[in-house]
Structure formats: structure tokens, C-alpha cells
Amino acid sequence: QVQLVESGGGLVQPGGSLRLSCAASGSIFKINTMGWYRQAPGKERELVATITKNGGTNYADSVKGRFTISRDNAKSTVYLQMNNLKPEDTAVYYCNADNRYVNNYYYWGQGTQVTVSS
């Protein structure tokens, strides 16, 4: 199994920055792509950004130019640097990892709350 533990959420004012971290443990050899999703109250969970083991990235249009995903394979950790945060970025952010050996099988973290408010 794979365990994902997020950290770094909190309350920030509009225009501020936060950095989320997600550490993977367990059967990490199973992982290729890691990423971040978010879910705001009353809305469906949505993709924020993903990164492959080789560093290929993908971003939601709503965060392009503001958020940066990165990864330290030696530490089995993925990061999400969030700049110029907006109130609409308020959500629970979930770390996600795929299982390269099983199609459409994903691991999830417990989530970390990000609140953007003045």
C-alpha cells in the first residue's frame, strides 16, 4: 500500500502564498504520477496539477501562472507552491498518486484545508 500525508495548509490573505507538501510512504515503487486535487464546499473534486516521475507537469487553467508543482523523488515528496492566492482557491486540497501497475487505481491523502480570506 501507499500512504500520502499532506501538510502546509492554513489561512492566508488574498494575494498571499502557501506551500503544500505531500510525503509518500509504503510501496512507493508503484507510483508514477503524483498530483493535487481540491474540493470546495458544494463542488466536485477537481484537478489542480500533476507531475510525473520524470517531471512532466499538467495544470488546471485556473491556476496556471500562479501555482507550481514540483517533486523530490529522493524524498518521495510532491510540493505545490501557491502564489497570488484568490478567495476562489479556498478548498480542501488532496494529494493523489497513481498505481503504475493497475489502471485507474489511485491513492489519496487525508486532505489539508486552504482558506483564502481577508
C-alpha atoms as a PDB file:
ATOM      1  CA  GLN A   1       0.000   0.000   0.000  1.00  0.00           C
ATOM      2  CA  VAL A   2       0.888   3.658  -0.345  1.00  0.00           C
ATOM      3  CA  GLN A   3       0.285   6.293   2.299  1.00  0.00           C
ATOM      4  CA  LEU A   4       0.134  10.002   1.497  1.00  0.00           C
ATOM      5  CA  VAL A   5       0.402  12.680   4.173  1.00  0.00           C
ATOM      6  CA  GLU A   6      -0.221  16.338   3.331  1.00  0.00           C
ATOM      7  CA  SER A   7       0.918  19.377   5.256  1.00  0.00           C
ATOM      8  CA  GLY A   8       1.127  23.133   4.810  1.00  0.00           C
ATOM      9  CA  GLY A   9      -2.469  24.282   4.594  1.00  0.00           C
ATOM     10  CA  GLY A  10      -3.837  27.236   6.504  1.00  0.00           C
ATOM     11  CA  LEU A  11      -5.405  30.663   6.365  1.00  0.00           C
ATOM     12  CA  VAL A  12      -3.894  33.290   4.069  1.00  0.00           C
ATOM     13  CA  GLN A  13      -4.977  36.679   2.795  1.00  0.00           C
ATOM     14  CA  PRO A  14      -5.767  37.251  -0.887  1.00  0.00           C
ATOM     15  CA  GLY A  15      -2.545  37.737  -2.811  1.00  0.00           C
ATOM     16  CA  GLY A  16      -0.597  35.658  -0.327  1.00  0.00           C
ATOM     17  CA  SER A  17       1.305  32.408  -0.750  1.00  0.00           C
ATOM     18  CA  LEU A  18       1.293  28.924   0.719  1.00  0.00           C
ATOM     19  CA  ARG A  19       3.338  25.813   0.071  1.00  0.00           C
ATOM     20  CA  LEU A  20       1.760  22.384   0.411  1.00  0.00           C
ATOM     21  CA  SER A  21       3.786  19.211   0.857  1.00  0.00           C
ATOM     22  CA  CYS A  22       2.802  15.591   0.428  1.00  0.00           C
ATOM     23  CA  ALA A  23       5.058  12.776   1.581  1.00  0.00           C
ATOM     24  CA  ALA A  24       4.524   9.279   0.225  1.00  0.00           C
ATOM     25  CA  SER A  25       5.486   6.137   2.108  1.00  0.00           C
ATOM     26  CA  GLY A  26       4.984   2.418   1.794  1.00  0.00           C
ATOM     27  CA  SER A  27       5.107   0.814  -1.669  1.00  0.00           C
ATOM     28  CA  ILE A  28       6.325   3.966  -3.402  1.00  0.00           C
ATOM     29  CA  PHE A  29       7.793   1.956  -6.287  1.00  0.00           C
ATOM     30  CA  LYS A  30       4.189   1.646  -7.505  1.00  0.00           C
ATOM     31  CA  ILE A  31       3.889   5.402  -8.098  1.00  0.00           C
ATOM     32  CA  ASN A  32       4.463   7.230 -11.373  1.00  0.00           C
ATOM     33  CA  THR A  33       2.309  10.369 -11.336  1.00  0.00           C
ATOM     34  CA  MET A  34       1.555  12.449  -8.252  1.00  0.00           C
ATOM     35  CA  GLY A  35      -0.700  15.421  -8.054  1.00  0.00           C
ATOM     36  CA  TRP A  36      -3.004  17.748  -6.216  1.00  0.00           C
ATOM     37  CA  TYR A  37      -6.764  17.983  -6.379  1.00  0.00           C
ATOM     38  CA  ARG A  38      -9.102  20.264  -4.484  1.00  0.00           C
ATOM     39  CA  GLN A  39     -12.702  20.302  -3.389  1.00  0.00           C
ATOM     40  CA  ALA A  40     -14.584  23.421  -2.394  1.00  0.00           C
ATOM     41  CA  PRO A  41     -17.837  23.260  -0.411  1.00  0.00           C
ATOM     42  CA  GLY A  42     -20.707  22.176  -2.624  1.00  0.00           C
ATOM     43  CA  LYS A  43     -18.439  21.451  -5.575  1.00  0.00           C
ATOM     44  CA  GLU A  44     -16.887  18.375  -7.097  1.00  0.00           C
ATOM     45  CA  ARG A  45     -13.262  17.495  -6.594  1.00  0.00           C
ATOM     46  CA  GLU A  46     -11.141  18.984  -9.379  1.00  0.00           C
ATOM     47  CA  LEU A  47      -7.640  18.638 -10.731  1.00  0.00           C
ATOM     48  CA  VAL A  48      -5.140  21.291  -9.697  1.00  0.00           C
ATOM     49  CA  ALA A  49      -1.837  19.949 -11.013  1.00  0.00           C
ATOM     50  CA  THR A  50       0.031  16.714 -11.671  1.00  0.00           C
ATOM     51  CA  ILE A  51       3.658  15.753 -12.141  1.00  0.00           C
ATOM     52  CA  THR A  52       5.168  12.548 -13.481  1.00  0.00           C
ATOM     53  CA  LYS A  53       8.242  10.851 -12.100  1.00  0.00           C
ATOM     54  CA  ASN A  54      10.219  12.344 -14.988  1.00  0.00           C
ATOM     55  CA  GLY A  55       8.978  15.851 -14.222  1.00  0.00           C
ATOM     56  CA  GLY A  56       6.224  16.302 -16.774  1.00  0.00           C
ATOM     57  CA  THR A  57       3.592  18.682 -15.442  1.00  0.00           C
ATOM     58  CA  ASN A  58      -0.047  19.494 -16.085  1.00  0.00           C
ATOM     59  CA  TYR A  59      -2.072  22.354 -14.602  1.00  0.00           C
ATOM     60  CA  ALA A  60      -5.685  23.411 -14.423  1.00  0.00           C
ATOM     61  CA  ASP A  61      -6.247  26.612 -16.398  1.00  0.00           C
ATOM     62  CA  SER A  62      -7.430  28.363 -13.245  1.00  0.00           C
ATOM     63  CA  VAL A  63      -4.031  28.027 -11.548  1.00  0.00           C
ATOM     64  CA  LYS A  64      -1.598  28.375 -14.459  1.00  0.00           C
ATOM     65  CA  GLY A  65       0.958  31.084 -13.775  1.00  0.00           C
ATOM     66  CA  ARG A  66       0.153  31.132 -10.041  1.00  0.00           C
ATOM     67  CA  PHE A  67       0.789  27.580  -8.821  1.00  0.00           C
ATOM     68  CA  THR A  68       3.887  25.443  -9.331  1.00  0.00           C
ATOM     69  CA  ILE A  69       4.070  21.707  -8.721  1.00  0.00           C
ATOM     70  CA  SER A  70       7.420  20.081  -8.037  1.00  0.00           C
ATOM     71  CA  ARG A  71       8.710  16.772  -6.832  1.00  0.00           C
ATOM     72  CA  ASP A  72      11.660  15.350  -4.935  1.00  0.00           C
ATOM     73  CA  ASN A  73      11.862  11.698  -5.899  1.00  0.00           C
ATOM     74  CA  ALA A  74      14.605  11.002  -3.352  1.00  0.00           C
ATOM     75  CA  LYS A  75      12.223  12.104  -0.597  1.00  0.00           C
ATOM     76  CA  SER A  76       9.091  10.718  -2.287  1.00  0.00           C
ATOM     77  CA  THR A  77       7.534  14.127  -1.770  1.00  0.00           C
ATOM     78  CA  VAL A  78       5.499  16.408  -4.012  1.00  0.00           C
ATOM     79  CA  TYR A  79       5.043  20.123  -3.409  1.00  0.00           C
ATOM     80  CA  LEU A  80       2.544  22.730  -4.507  1.00  0.00           C
ATOM     81  CA  GLN A  81       3.719  26.322  -4.345  1.00  0.00           C
ATOM     82  CA  MET A  82       0.680  28.572  -4.468  1.00  0.00           C
ATOM     83  CA  ASN A  83       1.178  32.271  -5.149  1.00  0.00           C
ATOM     84  CA  ASN A  84      -1.240  35.152  -5.656  1.00  0.00           C
ATOM     85  CA  LEU A  85      -3.955  33.170  -3.899  1.00  0.00           C
ATOM     86  CA  LYS A  86      -7.569  34.129  -4.501  1.00  0.00           C
ATOM     87  CA  PRO A  87     -10.695  33.519  -2.397  1.00  0.00           C
ATOM     88  CA  GLU A  88     -11.846  31.036  -5.041  1.00  0.00           C
ATOM     89  CA  ASP A  89      -8.801  28.889  -4.251  1.00  0.00           C
ATOM     90  CA  THR A  90     -10.375  28.105  -0.876  1.00  0.00           C
ATOM     91  CA  ALA A  91     -10.835  24.351  -0.681  1.00  0.00           C
ATOM     92  CA  VAL A  92      -9.608  21.145   0.853  1.00  0.00           C
ATOM     93  CA  TYR A  93      -6.511  20.119  -1.099  1.00  0.00           C
ATOM     94  CA  TYR A  94      -5.860  16.422  -1.583  1.00  0.00           C
ATOM     95  CA  CYS A  95      -2.647  14.720  -2.600  1.00  0.00           C
ATOM     96  CA  ASN A  96      -3.024  11.966  -5.176  1.00  0.00           C
ATOM     97  CA  ALA A  97      -0.782   9.251  -6.576  1.00  0.00           C
ATOM     98  CA  ASP A  98      -1.376   6.648  -9.221  1.00  0.00           C
ATOM     99  CA  ASN A  99      -0.516   2.966  -9.241  1.00  0.00           C
ATOM    100  CA  ARG A 100       1.507   2.334 -12.370  1.00  0.00           C
ATOM    101  CA  TYR A 101       0.612  -1.359 -12.336  1.00  0.00           C
ATOM    102  CA  VAL A 102      -3.156  -1.011 -12.062  1.00  0.00           C
ATOM    103  CA  ASN A 103      -5.190   1.163 -14.413  1.00  0.00           C
ATOM    104  CA  ASN A 104      -7.337   3.829 -12.775  1.00  0.00           C
ATOM    105  CA  TYR A 105      -6.156   2.953  -9.272  1.00  0.00           C
ATOM    106  CA  TYR A 106      -5.255   5.927  -7.111  1.00  0.00           C
ATOM    107  CA  TYR A 107      -4.118   6.671  -3.608  1.00  0.00           C
ATOM    108  CA  TRP A 108      -5.358   9.728  -1.701  1.00  0.00           C
ATOM    109  CA  GLY A 109      -4.193  11.721   1.259  1.00  0.00           C
ATOM    110  CA  GLN A 110      -6.490  12.904   4.017  1.00  0.00           C
ATOM    111  CA  GLY A 111      -6.627  16.475   2.731  1.00  0.00           C
ATOM    112  CA  THR A 112      -5.470  19.826   4.038  1.00  0.00           C
ATOM    113  CA  GLN A 113      -7.622  22.948   4.288  1.00  0.00           C
ATOM    114  CA  VAL A 114      -6.601  26.094   2.435  1.00  0.00           C
ATOM    115  CA  THR A 115      -8.619  29.206   3.209  1.00  0.00           C
ATOM    116  CA  VAL A 116      -8.047  32.479   1.373  1.00  0.00           C
ATOM    117  CA  SER A 117      -9.780  35.310   3.134  1.00  0.00           C
ATOM    118  CA  SER A 118      -9.180  38.813   4.403  1.00  0.00           C
END
